[in-house]
């Protein structure tokens, strides 16, 4: 019997598994296991998982599906009553670009998510030999006439700068060169911030912000890290509508996601915060970057308990440490 050709995506995954030392399966899902939902290609997850030696198990039948091997543990929400874009990779929440779909008892995942969300973490890219991470650009959000969120007498711009200064000092002690898009309480146009990083030949761009859900939702809390939305997908908070175009920053999709994941993992594992996950957005400071870039929302100023921690220098020092640890983890993985 003639075995059908593997889709390019699955060929890539098998190659990545071999490169990572995971034996490839004797068979793999063929083109007959790909379907279209809303005009987008999806792959049957169970067949892909078994073909690539992931064990498949329901944790809650019809609600939570686990894929695991000796390298990774993936959790997917397939409960139609909840947001089925929510997933977890090795315990860290990661939002998919498209919902998991279910048909005739089988679960399907969008091909774009296999390529742009799972692959960068499971099979991370490496820098070319000799390309080292030397300079990091930190971008304290807001400034000057733009205060950001205001909670009582506390303005976001003050705390993003204080956090940036702490991260800068710790990065320098770790041996990096560091530049800031602003070092004082001044307003820097959004479009100029990634340009400043490019002028200084920065290898990474990290934008620092804090969140607010307003006084009506002061129970909302947690940390989330954003990277640029891939072309053809909607941003996480866009409600399935809006822009899907490609941007200059999409040249670094794999490393954008990997950097976001490593920093979200570092923060969520080390601090007493809710893991709100790695998410996608087309923020202006991410669209035109010439290097891997992320935006950190380091907690909710509008949450009374979390706000008190954000305003505490000792806690910001701890958060800075987790950000630096995430950068160092990324550096080791990409061999930079």
Protein backbone atom coordinates (compact mmCIF):
# COMPACT_ATOMS: atom_id res chain seq x y z
CA UNK A 1 0.00 0.00 0.00
CA UNK A 2 1.33 3.42 -0.87
CA UNK A 3 1.80 5.61 2.21
CA UNK A 4 0.50 9.17 1.66
CA UNK A 5 3.03 12.00 1.73
CA UNK A 6 3.35 13.86 5.02
CA UNK A 7 2.23 17.48 5.16
CA UNK A 8 5.18 19.89 5.42
CA UNK A 9 4.24 20.67 9.02
CA UNK A 10 4.47 17.04 10.08
CA UNK A 11 7.73 16.56 8.22
CA UNK A 12 9.10 19.48 10.19
CA UNK A 13 7.91 18.02 13.48
CA UNK A 14 9.42 14.61 12.77
CA UNK A 15 12.72 16.28 11.83
CA UNK A 16 12.62 18.33 15.01
CA UNK A 17 11.92 15.23 17.08
CA UNK A 18 14.92 13.48 15.56
CA UNK A 19 17.11 16.53 16.17
CA UNK A 20 15.94 16.64 19.77
CA UNK A 21 16.76 12.99 20.27
CA UNK A 22 13.15 11.80 20.28
CA UNK A 23 12.67 8.77 18.02
CA UNK A 24 10.28 9.37 15.16
CA UNK A 25 7.21 7.17 14.98
CA UNK A 26 6.91 4.45 12.36
CA UNK A 27 3.87 6.16 10.90
CA UNK A 28 2.35 9.62 10.85
CA UNK A 29 -0.94 11.24 10.10
CA UNK A 30 -1.50 11.76 6.39
CA UNK A 31 -3.35 14.41 4.48
CA UNK A 32 -6.64 12.64 5.08
CA UNK A 33 -6.31 13.68 8.73
CA UNK A 34 -6.35 17.38 7.86
CA UNK A 35 -9.64 19.23 7.75
CA UNK A 36 -10.82 22.78 7.24
CA UNK A 37 -12.69 24.76 9.86
CA UNK A 38 -13.80 28.26 8.87
CA UNK A 39 -11.43 28.03 5.91
CA UNK A 40 -8.37 27.28 8.08
CA UNK A 41 -6.35 24.05 8.00
CA UNK A 42 -6.53 21.91 11.14
CA UNK A 43 -4.73 18.68 12.04
CA UNK A 44 -6.26 15.85 14.05
CA UNK A 45 -4.43 16.09 17.34
CA UNK A 46 -4.67 12.50 18.50
CA UNK A 47 -3.19 11.09 15.28
CA UNK A 48 -0.44 13.70 15.22
CA UNK A 49 0.37 12.99 18.85
CA UNK A 50 0.60 9.23 18.43
CA UNK A 51 2.62 9.56 15.22
CA UNK A 52 5.15 11.66 17.11
CA UNK A 53 5.18 9.51 20.27
CA UNK A 54 3.03 11.61 22.53
CA UNK A 55 0.76 9.60 24.79
CA UNK A 56 -2.83 10.85 24.68
CA UNK A 57 -5.03 10.80 27.77
CA UNK A 58 -8.23 12.48 28.85
CA UNK A 59 -7.88 14.14 32.26
CA UNK A 60 -11.54 15.10 32.13
CA UNK A 61 -13.39 13.43 29.30
CA UNK A 62 -14.68 16.00 26.87
CA UNK A 63 -12.94 18.81 28.76
CA UNK A 64 -9.16 18.46 29.17
CA UNK A 65 -6.85 16.46 26.90
CA UNK A 66 -3.23 15.69 27.83
CA UNK A 67 -0.39 14.90 25.42
CA UNK A 68 2.84 13.85 27.05
CA UNK A 69 6.22 12.25 26.46
CA UNK A 70 9.60 12.45 28.18
CA UNK A 71 10.15 15.95 26.73
CA UNK A 72 6.87 17.76 27.28
CA UNK A 73 3.40 17.73 28.80
CA UNK A 74 0.71 19.56 26.88
CA UNK A 75 -2.80 20.31 28.14
CA UNK A 76 -5.64 21.41 25.88
CA UNK A 77 -9.07 22.64 26.84
CA UNK A 78 -11.71 21.16 24.55
CA UNK A 79 -14.76 22.05 26.63
CA UNK A 80 -17.02 24.04 24.25
CA UNK A 81 -18.41 25.96 27.24
CA UNK A 82 -14.99 27.49 27.89
CA UNK A 83 -12.37 29.26 25.77
CA UNK A 84 -10.71 26.42 23.90
CA UNK A 85 -7.75 28.61 22.93
CA UNK A 86 -6.32 28.06 26.41
CA UNK A 87 -3.53 25.49 26.57
CA UNK A 88 -0.52 24.75 28.76
CA UNK A 89 3.02 23.67 27.90
CA UNK A 90 4.89 22.13 30.83
CA UNK A 91 2.63 23.89 33.29
CA UNK A 92 2.76 27.35 31.71
CA UNK A 93 -0.41 28.77 30.18
CA UNK A 94 -0.13 29.56 26.47
CA UNK A 95 -3.00 30.94 24.41
CA UNK A 96 -3.56 29.44 20.98
CA UNK A 97 -4.42 31.69 18.07
CA UNK A 98 -7.47 29.60 17.15
CA UNK A 99 -9.84 27.45 19.19
CA UNK A 100 -9.40 23.72 19.41
CA UNK A 101 -12.18 22.12 17.36
CA UNK A 102 -13.99 18.85 17.94
CA UNK A 103 -15.79 16.76 15.36
CA UNK A 104 -17.07 13.16 15.55
CA UNK A 105 -15.20 12.57 18.79
CA UNK A 106 -11.83 13.81 17.47
CA UNK A 107 -10.03 16.97 18.56
CA UNK A 108 -8.28 19.16 15.99
CA UNK A 109 -5.71 21.93 16.38
CA UNK A 110 -5.02 24.68 13.85
CA UNK A 111 -1.97 24.10 11.69
CA UNK A 112 -0.85 27.66 12.38
CA UNK A 113 -0.78 26.93 16.12
CA UNK A 114 1.29 23.80 15.59
CA UNK A 115 3.80 25.88 13.66
CA UNK A 116 3.74 29.20 15.52
CA UNK A 117 2.73 28.34 19.10
CA UNK A 118 3.85 24.80 19.96
CA UNK A 119 6.91 24.31 17.74
CA UNK A 120 8.97 27.29 19.05
CA UNK A 121 8.74 25.91 22.60
CA UNK A 122 8.97 22.18 21.88
CA UNK A 123 11.63 22.50 19.20
CA UNK A 124 13.29 25.88 19.85
CA UNK A 125 15.35 27.65 17.19
CA UNK A 126 19.08 28.17 17.71
CA UNK A 127 21.11 31.22 16.82
CA UNK A 128 23.63 30.84 14.01
CA UNK A 129 27.14 30.07 15.32
CA UNK A 130 28.80 33.21 16.62
CA UNK A 131 25.59 35.23 17.02
CA UNK A 132 25.49 36.19 20.68
CA UNK A 133 22.96 38.08 22.78
CA UNK A 134 24.90 41.08 24.02
CA UNK A 135 22.60 44.11 24.13
CA UNK A 136 19.07 44.26 25.51
CA UNK A 137 16.71 47.20 25.08
CA UNK A 138 14.30 47.80 27.95
CA UNK A 139 11.21 49.88 27.22
CA UNK A 140 9.54 51.37 30.32
CA UNK A 141 5.95 51.97 29.26
CA UNK A 142 4.39 55.46 29.12
CA UNK A 143 6.15 58.54 30.52
CA UNK A 144 5.81 62.31 30.56
CA UNK A 145 2.31 63.46 29.67
CA UNK A 146 1.26 59.81 29.28
CA UNK A 147 0.89 58.43 32.82
CA UNK A 148 -0.53 55.06 31.85
CA UNK A 149 -2.91 53.58 34.39
CA UNK A 150 -3.62 55.67 37.48
CA UNK A 151 -4.71 54.03 40.72
CA UNK A 152 -5.10 56.56 43.50
CA UNK A 153 -1.88 58.58 43.55
CA UNK A 154 0.07 55.87 41.73
CA UNK A 155 0.85 56.25 38.03
CA UNK A 156 1.96 53.32 35.92
CA UNK A 157 4.76 55.31 34.26
CA UNK A 158 6.58 55.64 37.61
CA UNK A 159 6.64 51.92 38.31
CA UNK A 160 7.55 50.80 34.80
CA UNK A 161 10.63 53.04 34.98
CA UNK A 162 11.55 51.80 38.46
CA UNK A 163 11.20 48.19 37.29
CA UNK A 164 13.25 48.90 34.16
CA UNK A 165 16.04 50.41 36.26
CA UNK A 166 16.11 47.33 38.49
CA UNK A 167 16.10 44.95 35.51
CA UNK A 168 18.86 47.03 33.89
CA UNK A 169 21.08 46.79 36.94
CA UNK A 170 20.62 43.04 37.24
CA UNK A 171 21.19 42.47 33.51
CA UNK A 172 24.40 44.46 33.68
CA UNK A 173 25.61 42.34 36.56
CA UNK A 174 24.86 39.30 34.39
CA UNK A 175 27.17 40.71 31.69
CA UNK A 176 24.74 42.31 29.23
CA UNK A 177 24.80 45.76 27.69
CA UNK A 178 21.51 47.52 28.39
CA UNK A 179 19.79 50.50 26.80
CA UNK A 180 16.53 52.13 27.91
CA UNK A 181 14.04 53.81 25.59
CA UNK A 182 13.59 56.38 28.36
CA UNK A 183 15.66 56.92 31.50
CA UNK A 184 13.55 59.75 32.94
CA UNK A 185 9.91 60.79 33.12
CA UNK A 186 9.65 61.78 29.46
CA UNK A 187 7.23 60.81 26.73
CA UNK A 188 8.80 58.80 23.91
CA UNK A 189 6.60 58.22 20.83
CA UNK A 190 5.63 54.58 20.45
CA UNK A 191 7.02 54.33 16.92
CA UNK A 192 10.41 55.61 18.11
CA UNK A 193 10.88 52.95 20.78
CA UNK A 194 11.68 49.99 18.49
CA UNK A 195 13.73 52.36 16.34
CA UNK A 196 15.87 53.25 19.36
CA UNK A 197 16.46 49.54 19.91
CA UNK A 198 17.52 49.14 16.28
CA UNK A 199 19.91 52.11 16.47
CA UNK A 200 21.65 50.53 19.46
CA UNK A 201 21.85 47.14 17.68
CA UNK A 202 19.86 45.52 20.48
CA UNK A 203 19.49 41.75 20.34
CA UNK A 204 16.26 41.67 22.38
CA UNK A 205 13.48 44.20 23.08
CA UNK A 206 11.52 43.98 26.35
CA UNK A 207 8.66 46.41 27.00
CA UNK A 208 7.53 46.77 30.63
CA UNK A 209 3.98 47.60 31.69
CA UNK A 210 1.45 47.07 34.46
CA UNK A 211 -2.24 46.34 34.05
CA UNK A 212 -5.57 47.64 35.31
CA UNK A 213 -9.06 46.21 35.06
CA UNK A 214 -10.64 49.29 36.64
CA UNK A 215 -12.35 49.67 40.01
CA UNK A 216 -15.34 47.58 38.87
CA UNK A 217 -13.12 44.50 38.42
CA UNK A 218 -10.53 44.85 41.13
CA UNK A 219 -10.48 41.08 41.68
CA UNK A 220 -8.62 40.55 38.38
CA UNK A 221 -4.94 39.76 38.91
CA UNK A 222 -1.95 38.04 37.37
CA UNK A 223 0.91 38.37 34.92
CA UNK A 224 0.80 37.94 31.15
CA UNK A 225 3.48 38.29 28.48
CA UNK A 226 2.65 39.31 24.92
CA UNK A 227 4.44 38.69 21.66
CA UNK A 228 3.47 39.71 18.13
CA UNK A 229 0.46 38.01 16.57
CA UNK A 230 1.43 35.83 13.59
CA UNK A 231 0.14 36.79 10.16
CA UNK A 232 -3.26 35.32 9.43
CA UNK A 233 -4.30 35.19 13.08
CA UNK A 234 -6.29 37.42 15.40
CA UNK A 235 -4.77 38.90 18.54
CA UNK A 236 -5.76 37.16 21.77
CA UNK A 237 -8.01 39.94 23.05
CA UNK A 238 -9.47 40.93 19.67
CA UNK A 239 -12.56 38.76 19.92
CA UNK A 240 -11.89 37.01 16.60
CA UNK A 241 -11.99 40.25 14.65
CA UNK A 242 -9.61 42.88 13.31
CA UNK A 243 -6.20 43.00 11.73
CA UNK A 244 -4.45 39.82 10.54
CA UNK A 245 -1.73 41.34 8.37
CA UNK A 246 1.97 40.52 8.46
CA UNK A 247 4.31 42.97 10.19
CA UNK A 248 8.08 43.43 10.10
CA UNK A 249 8.34 41.90 13.56
CA UNK A 250 6.86 38.63 12.28
CA UNK A 251 10.32 37.78 10.91
CA UNK A 252 11.12 36.74 14.49
CA UNK A 253 7.95 34.77 15.25
CA UNK A 254 9.69 31.70 16.65
CA UNK A 255 12.00 33.64 18.94
CA UNK A 256 9.27 36.11 19.93
CA UNK A 257 7.19 33.22 21.24
CA UNK A 258 10.12 31.43 22.85
CA UNK A 259 11.25 34.58 24.68
CA UNK A 260 7.70 35.29 25.87
CA UNK A 261 7.32 31.71 27.07
CA UNK A 262 10.59 31.62 28.99
CA UNK A 263 9.86 34.89 30.78
CA UNK A 264 6.25 33.97 31.57
CA UNK A 265 7.50 30.63 32.90
CA UNK A 266 10.14 32.31 35.04
CA UNK A 267 7.74 34.84 36.55
CA UNK A 268 4.87 32.39 37.13
CA UNK A 269 7.11 29.77 38.73
CA UNK A 270 8.95 32.12 41.07
CA UNK A 271 6.39 34.72 42.20
CA UNK A 272 3.01 34.41 43.95
CA UNK A 273 1.08 35.49 40.87
CA UNK A 274 -1.69 34.08 38.72
CA UNK A 275 -0.39 32.75 35.40
CA UNK A 276 -2.48 34.56 32.77
CA UNK A 277 -0.35 33.11 30.02
CA UNK A 278 1.57 33.92 26.88
CA UNK A 279 -0.70 35.96 24.62
CA UNK A 280 -0.61 37.66 21.23
CA UNK A 281 -1.04 41.32 20.28
CA UNK A 282 -0.14 43.78 17.54
CA UNK A 283 1.05 46.50 19.88
CA UNK A 284 2.88 49.25 18.05
CA UNK A 285 6.12 48.65 19.95
CA UNK A 286 6.09 45.01 18.76
CA UNK A 287 5.09 45.46 15.12
CA UNK A 288 8.26 47.05 13.74
CA UNK A 289 11.00 45.55 15.89
CA UNK A 290 14.15 44.32 14.17
CA UNK A 291 14.86 41.76 16.91
CA UNK A 292 12.87 39.31 19.09
CA UNK A 293 10.47 41.37 21.18
CA UNK A 294 7.94 40.97 23.97
CA UNK A 295 5.72 43.10 26.21
CA UNK A 296 5.30 42.18 29.88
CA UNK A 297 2.17 43.09 31.84
CA UNK A 298 3.63 42.59 35.31
CA UNK A 299 0.41 42.54 37.31
CA UNK A 300 -2.75 44.54 37.98
CA UNK A 301 -2.39 47.84 39.77
CA UNK A 302 -6.18 47.82 40.18
CA UNK A 303 -6.05 44.69 42.35
CA UNK A 304 -5.48 45.92 45.94
CA UNK A 305 -3.14 43.10 46.98
CA UNK A 306 -1.23 42.95 43.71
CA UNK A 307 -1.03 46.72 43.54
CA UNK A 308 0.63 46.86 46.95
CA UNK A 309 3.27 44.40 45.74
CA UNK A 310 3.90 46.39 42.55
CA UNK A 311 4.47 49.53 44.60
CA UNK A 312 6.94 47.68 46.87
CA UNK A 313 10.64 48.01 45.88
CA UNK A 314 11.46 44.58 47.33
CA UNK A 315 8.82 42.89 45.18
CA UNK A 316 9.92 44.75 42.05
CA UNK A 317 13.45 43.54 42.74
CA UNK A 318 12.14 39.97 42.83
CA UNK A 319 10.20 40.49 39.61
CA UNK A 320 13.30 41.92 37.94
CA UNK A 321 15.19 38.79 38.99
CA UNK A 322 12.61 36.55 37.32
CA UNK A 323 12.76 38.60 34.11
CA UNK A 324 16.55 38.31 34.05
CA UNK A 325 16.30 34.57 34.74
CA UNK A 326 13.90 34.27 31.80
CA UNK A 327 16.33 36.11 29.53
CA UNK A 328 19.17 33.83 30.67
CA UNK A 329 17.05 30.73 30.04
CA UNK A 330 16.25 31.99 26.53
CA UNK A 331 19.94 32.72 25.94
CA UNK A 332 20.92 29.17 26.90
CA UNK A 333 18.25 27.60 24.71
CA UNK A 334 19.11 29.54 21.56
CA UNK A 335 22.81 29.13 22.32
CA UNK A 336 23.25 32.88 22.25
